[in-house]
Protein backbone atom coordinates (compact mmCIF):
# COMPACT_ATOMS: atom_id res chain seq x y z
CA MET A 1 87.03 184.21 77.69
CA THR A 2 85.14 184.21 74.47
CA ASP A 3 83.10 181.52 72.99
CA THR A 4 86.08 180.90 70.47
CA SER A 5 88.64 180.40 73.11
CA LEU A 6 86.36 177.94 74.91
CA LEU A 7 85.81 176.08 72.11
CA ALA A 8 89.49 175.65 71.01
CA SER A 9 90.54 174.56 74.54
CA THR A 10 87.69 171.90 74.83
CA LEU A 11 88.94 170.70 71.21
CA ALA A 12 92.48 170.62 72.51
CA SER A 13 91.50 168.63 75.80
CA GLY A 14 89.52 166.21 73.56
CA ARG A 15 92.38 165.36 71.43
CA ASP A 16 94.88 165.03 74.41
CA ALA A 17 92.22 162.44 75.70
CA VAL A 18 91.88 160.97 72.51
CA THR A 19 95.65 160.58 72.13
CA LEU A 20 96.33 159.34 75.86
CA ASP A 21 93.65 156.68 75.35
CA ALA A 22 95.15 155.56 72.05
CA ALA A 23 98.60 155.38 73.70
CA LEU A 24 97.04 153.15 76.72
CA ILE A 25 95.34 151.07 74.17
CA ALA A 26 98.55 150.69 72.14
CA LYS A 27 100.38 149.84 75.33
CA ALA A 28 97.85 147.31 76.61
CA THR A 29 97.97 145.68 73.08
CA GLN A 30 101.75 145.60 73.25
CA LEU A 31 101.63 143.96 76.83
CA VAL A 32 99.04 141.62 75.83
CA GLY A 33 100.99 140.87 72.68
CA ASP A 34 104.08 140.22 74.51
CA PHE A 35 102.63 138.04 77.24
CA ALA A 36 100.91 135.81 74.52
CA VAL A 37 104.26 135.73 72.83
CA ASN A 38 106.07 134.84 76.13
CA LEU A 39 103.18 132.40 77.03
CA THR A 40 103.40 130.46 73.84
CA LEU A 41 107.18 130.18 74.03
CA ALA A 42 107.08 129.11 77.91
CA ILE A 43 104.47 126.32 76.86
CA LEU A 44 106.94 125.25 74.03
CA ILE A 45 109.66 125.09 76.39
CA LEU A 46 107.80 123.17 79.03
CA ILE A 47 106.62 120.72 76.42
CA ALA A 48 110.53 120.53 75.01
CA THR A 49 111.48 120.27 78.86
CA VAL A 50 109.02 117.28 79.38
CA ILE A 51 110.32 115.54 75.83
CA ALA A 52 113.89 116.46 76.81
CA SER A 53 113.52 114.67 80.35
CA ARG A 54 112.19 111.38 79.14
CA TRP A 55 114.88 111.57 76.26
CA ALA A 56 117.70 112.16 79.09
CA SER A 57 116.57 109.62 81.29
CA SER A 58 116.14 106.86 78.54
CA ALA A 59 119.76 107.52 77.35
CA ALA A 60 121.06 107.59 80.95
CA ARG A 61 119.52 104.41 81.42
CA LYS A 62 121.10 102.97 78.36
CA GLY A 63 124.53 104.87 78.92
CA LEU A 64 124.49 103.69 82.59
CA GLY A 65 123.30 100.02 81.84
CA ARG A 66 126.70 99.62 79.87
CA ILE A 67 128.52 100.21 83.18
CA SER A 68 128.66 96.64 85.10
CA ALA A 69 128.35 98.55 88.64
CA PHE A 70 124.91 99.92 87.58
CA ARG A 71 124.00 96.71 85.59
CA ARG A 72 124.45 94.52 88.65
CA ASP A 73 122.02 96.66 90.71
CA SER A 74 118.89 97.97 89.55
CA THR A 75 118.02 99.92 92.26
CA VAL A 76 121.09 102.16 92.32
CA LEU A 77 120.50 102.64 88.13
CA THR A 78 116.69 103.53 88.74
CA PHE A 79 117.95 106.00 91.28
CA ALA A 80 120.23 107.64 88.93
CA VAL A 81 117.99 107.67 86.11
CA GLN A 82 115.45 109.60 88.53
CA VAL A 83 118.02 112.20 89.31
CA VAL A 84 118.85 112.68 85.82
CA ARG A 85 115.08 113.35 84.73
CA VAL A 86 114.47 115.48 87.66
CA ALA A 87 117.55 117.55 87.07
CA VAL A 88 116.29 118.32 83.41
CA LEU A 89 112.91 119.13 84.73
CA ILE A 90 114.07 121.79 87.13
CA MET A 91 116.27 123.40 84.66
CA GLY A 92 113.17 123.63 82.28
CA LEU A 93 110.93 124.96 84.65
CA ILE A 94 113.45 127.87 85.58
CA ALA A 95 113.42 128.51 82.12
CA VAL A 96 109.62 128.70 81.79
CA LEU A 97 109.46 131.03 84.77
CA GLN A 98 112.03 133.31 83.45
CA ARG A 99 110.18 133.58 80.07
CA LEU A 100 107.00 134.55 82.03
CA GLY A 101 108.87 137.24 83.50
CA VAL A 102 108.96 135.71 87.26
CA GLN A 103 111.66 136.62 89.24
CA THR A 104 113.24 133.27 89.97
CA THR A 105 115.56 134.35 92.65
CA SER A 106 112.91 135.48 94.89
CA ILE A 107 111.22 131.96 94.38
CA ILE A 108 114.42 130.43 95.19
CA ALA A 109 114.65 132.40 98.34
CA VAL A 110 110.93 131.60 99.26
CA LEU A 111 111.58 127.97 98.53
CA GLY A 112 114.58 127.75 100.64
CA ALA A 113 113.19 129.46 103.70
CA ALA A 114 110.21 127.03 103.16
CA SER A 115 112.33 123.94 102.84
CA LEU A 116 113.93 124.78 106.07
CA ALA A 117 110.72 124.84 107.62
CA VAL A 118 109.55 121.53 106.10
CA GLY A 119 113.07 120.08 107.17
CA LEU A 120 112.46 120.79 110.68
CA ALA A 121 109.09 119.27 110.69
CA LEU A 122 109.93 116.24 108.90
CA GLN A 123 113.13 115.29 110.39
CA GLY A 124 112.35 111.66 110.74
CA THR A 125 111.52 111.40 107.11
CA LEU A 126 114.59 113.39 105.65
CA SER A 127 116.79 111.41 107.63
CA ASN A 128 115.25 108.31 106.15
CA VAL A 129 116.02 109.70 102.66
CA ALA A 130 119.63 110.69 103.36
CA ALA A 131 120.02 107.17 104.80
CA GLY A 132 118.55 105.61 101.65
CA VAL A 133 120.79 107.81 99.59
CA MET A 134 123.97 106.40 101.74
CA LEU A 135 122.65 102.85 101.35
CA LEU A 136 122.30 103.56 97.36
CA ILE A 137 125.88 104.57 97.24
CA LEU A 138 127.62 102.27 99.95
CA ARG A 139 125.43 99.07 98.95
CA PRO A 140 125.97 97.24 101.87
CA TYR A 141 123.44 94.87 100.31
CA ARG A 142 121.24 94.45 96.91
CA VAL A 143 117.82 93.19 95.96
CA GLY A 144 117.66 89.75 96.32
CA ASP A 145 120.22 89.36 99.15
CA VAL A 146 119.45 87.41 102.48
CA VAL A 147 120.27 89.66 105.40
CA ASP A 148 119.84 90.17 108.96
CA ILE A 149 118.79 93.69 109.99
CA GLY A 150 117.94 94.39 113.78
CA GLY A 151 117.83 90.36 114.54
CA VAL A 152 115.38 89.73 111.52
CA THR A 153 116.64 87.77 108.84
CA ALA A 154 114.95 88.23 105.52
CA SER A 155 115.36 88.59 101.84
CA VAL A 156 115.54 91.96 100.32
CA GLN A 157 112.94 92.60 97.72
CA LYS A 158 112.96 96.35 97.48
CA LEU A 159 115.19 99.40 98.23
CA ASP A 160 114.01 103.06 97.75
CA LEU A 161 114.71 106.40 99.40
CA PHE A 162 112.67 105.83 102.50
CA THR A 163 112.42 102.14 103.22
CA THR A 164 113.68 98.85 102.77
CA GLN A 165 111.26 96.04 102.35
CA LEU A 166 111.95 92.35 103.40
CA THR A 167 110.44 89.23 102.85
CA ASN A 168 111.30 86.46 105.54
CA ALA A 169 111.00 82.77 105.34
CA SER A 170 107.33 82.67 106.29
CA ASN A 171 106.65 85.30 103.24
CA HIS A 172 105.82 87.84 105.87
CA LYS A 173 106.44 91.46 104.23
CA ILE A 174 108.74 93.33 106.53
CA VAL A 175 109.34 97.24 106.03
CA VAL A 176 112.24 98.99 107.73
CA PRO A 177 112.87 102.71 107.60
CA ASN A 178 116.44 103.32 106.08
CA SER A 179 117.41 105.39 108.80
CA LEU A 180 117.01 102.14 111.20
CA VAL A 181 118.91 100.11 108.85
CA LEU A 182 121.83 102.37 108.63
CA GLY A 183 121.92 102.90 112.24
CA ASP A 184 121.97 99.08 113.05
CA ARG A 185 124.23 96.13 112.43
CA ILE A 186 123.77 94.57 108.96
CA LEU A 187 124.79 91.01 108.44
CA ASN A 188 124.44 90.06 104.64
CA PHE A 189 124.51 86.30 104.39
CA SER A 190 124.60 86.54 100.70
CA GLY A 191 127.64 88.67 100.51
CA GLN A 192 129.83 86.15 99.71
CA THR A 193 129.60 82.99 97.67
CA ARG A 194 130.63 80.51 100.11
CA ARG A 195 129.22 80.02 103.85
CA ARG A 196 130.41 77.59 106.75
CA VAL A 197 128.31 75.44 108.35
CA GLU A 198 128.97 75.02 112.13
CA ILE A 199 127.14 72.75 114.26
CA ASP A 200 127.95 71.79 117.75
CA PHE A 201 127.23 68.38 118.97
CA THR A 202 127.81 67.14 122.70
CA VAL A 203 128.78 63.40 123.84
CA GLY A 204 129.28 61.83 127.16
CA TYR A 205 132.56 62.14 129.15
CA GLY A 206 133.21 58.46 128.94
CA GLU A 207 132.99 58.35 125.06
CA ASP A 208 135.85 58.05 122.37
CA LEU A 209 136.10 61.72 121.24
CA LYS A 210 138.60 60.71 118.29
CA GLN A 211 135.71 58.17 117.23
CA ALA A 212 132.97 60.76 117.52
CA ARG A 213 134.94 63.31 115.55
CA GLU A 214 135.64 60.85 112.77
CA VAL A 215 131.91 59.86 112.68
CA LEU A 216 130.91 63.30 112.26
CA GLU A 217 133.48 64.16 109.82
CA ALA A 218 132.51 61.25 107.63
CA VAL A 219 128.93 62.17 107.51
CA ALA A 220 129.88 65.53 106.40
CA ARG A 221 132.14 64.34 103.77
CA GLN A 222 129.44 62.04 102.23
CA HIS A 223 127.12 65.03 101.64
CA GLU A 224 126.84 66.34 98.06
CA ASN A 225 127.02 69.81 99.04
CA VAL A 226 130.03 70.05 101.21
CA MET A 227 132.96 71.62 99.56
CA GLU A 228 136.25 69.61 99.59
CA ASP A 229 138.29 72.83 99.84
CA PRO A 230 138.29 74.16 102.70
CA PRO A 231 137.99 70.65 104.14
CA VAL A 232 135.78 69.30 106.69
CA TRP A 233 136.84 70.20 110.49
CA SER A 234 135.76 68.80 113.68
CA GLY A 235 137.23 69.69 117.16
CA VAL A 236 136.56 69.58 120.80
CA THR A 237 135.54 73.06 121.66
CA GLY A 238 133.81 72.84 125.24
CA LEU A 239 133.77 71.14 128.23
CA LEU A 240 130.25 71.59 129.65
CA ASP A 241 128.66 70.46 132.77
CA SER A 242 127.45 67.17 131.50
CA ALA A 243 128.90 66.67 128.13
CA VAL A 244 131.75 67.50 125.92
CA GLN A 245 131.27 69.68 122.93
CA ILE A 246 132.17 68.71 119.64
CA THR A 247 131.78 71.31 116.72
CA LEU A 248 131.89 70.56 113.18
CA HIS A 249 132.67 72.80 110.56
CA ALA A 250 131.78 72.35 106.73
CA TRP A 251 131.78 74.79 103.69
CA VAL A 252 129.09 75.04 101.04
CA GLN A 253 127.64 77.54 98.68
CA SER A 254 125.51 80.10 100.24
CA GLY A 255 122.50 78.92 98.58
CA ASP A 256 122.70 75.59 99.96
CA TRP A 257 123.59 76.48 103.82
CA TRP A 258 120.01 76.10 105.05
CA GLN A 259 119.13 72.68 104.00
CA THR A 260 122.94 71.42 104.41
CA GLN A 261 122.76 72.43 108.30
CA ALA A 262 119.64 70.57 108.67
CA ASP A 263 120.80 67.84 106.71
CA LEU A 264 123.89 67.40 108.51
CA MET A 265 122.51 67.92 111.90
CA GLN A 266 120.07 64.94 111.51
CA ALA A 267 122.47 62.84 109.78
CA GLY A 268 125.15 63.54 112.63
CA LYS A 269 122.58 62.95 115.31
CA GLU A 270 121.78 59.36 113.77
CA ALA A 271 125.50 58.57 112.90
CA LEU A 272 126.33 58.96 116.56
CA ASP A 273 123.67 56.66 117.63
CA GLU A 274 124.38 54.37 115.31
CA ALA A 275 127.84 54.16 116.40
CA GLY A 276 126.69 53.65 119.95
CA ILE A 277 128.11 57.20 121.23
CA GLU A 278 125.91 58.68 124.00
CA ILE A 279 124.28 62.00 123.36
CA PRO A 280 123.72 62.75 127.36
CA PHE A 281 120.93 64.50 128.59
CA PRO A 282 121.57 67.40 130.96
CA HIS A 283 121.84 66.38 134.56
CA GLN A 284 122.07 68.14 138.18
CA VAL A 285 123.78 66.81 141.03
CA GLU A 286 121.74 67.24 144.15
CA VAL A 287 123.95 68.51 146.87
CA PRO A 288 123.27 66.52 150.10
CA ALA A 289 121.98 68.20 153.40
CA LYS A 290 124.22 67.85 156.70
CA GLY A 291 123.96 64.51 158.24
CA ALA A 292 123.03 62.97 154.67
CA ASP A 293 125.04 60.09 153.14
CA LEU A 294 124.80 60.04 149.63
CA ALA A 295 124.14 62.66 147.10
CA ARG A 296 121.24 61.87 144.55
CA LEU A 297 121.83 62.24 140.72
CA VAL A 298 118.83 64.18 139.05
CA MET A 299 118.34 63.65 135.39
CA VAL A 300 116.62 66.54 133.51
CA GLN A 301 114.30 65.10 130.98
CA PRO A 302 113.13 67.23 128.17
CA GLU A 303 109.45 68.45 129.10
CA LYS A 304 106.53 66.41 127.65
CA ALA A 305 103.94 68.44 125.99
CA ASP A 306 101.31 66.99 128.34
CA ASP A 307 103.09 68.36 131.32
CA ARG A 308 103.50 71.43 129.65
CA GLU A 309 99.71 71.90 129.07
CA SER A 310 98.84 70.90 132.46
CA GLY A 311 101.35 73.41 133.95
CA SER A 312 100.15 76.33 131.97
């Protein structure tokens, strides 16, 4: 090969290399430019998504707040607003990922598999979430209601997706998982505007039962919180071992139930004492052994504090 041919070949190779480098540089520049544009658009979409989520949650709060069902229960309203906000954020994040060239279908598949594993590991927590959603939909109680859950009587302070927070009469904070709440009996004392006071009194077998009933009914009618309709009622509801049981019924507003019950219990006892009607102590009859002539009546007196302390 002559020197001229070698030189021409070298120049041709150099031109090809320069051309290739220029193409690579141009391609890289285009890729960087496209990525910069997509990144800028993704940032703008993300900012717009955050703004849109706030606007959507505010609009949902205002719109749903006009509906009486949501206006009466702030917990359900807050939950619905959060659902709207999260939905807007999810749609915006999907748009951001697509703008950056990420295959969202693959991410969704991975997230589905991961959520299945997390769900198996957090069955108890997710059951509380599911129960919380059901409680928010069914609404067996609202914030401020007095309820009995699992034998505990307290006022509902907060209801979220995981727990129900209660406060009892001693101002103790009680936190109950929603799964336990939904799976147990729920007794809502605030579910109705009126409640019935029911008190059992006992009188001796030798007393005038009609007079005893009249005394108790008069006490109930004189109380300012007792309603006239339904009327006060009393009746013999039990023949006990050592006394006759008389039950007194009186209807009051739900908020007056506790105090009215205590007032009627005290006033009823005092009225029976004033009328000379005996409220007997429980007693037992000692069965005589063979050869004994008489049975002995044993009075069961209330145990004194000193006796309890000495016996402990």
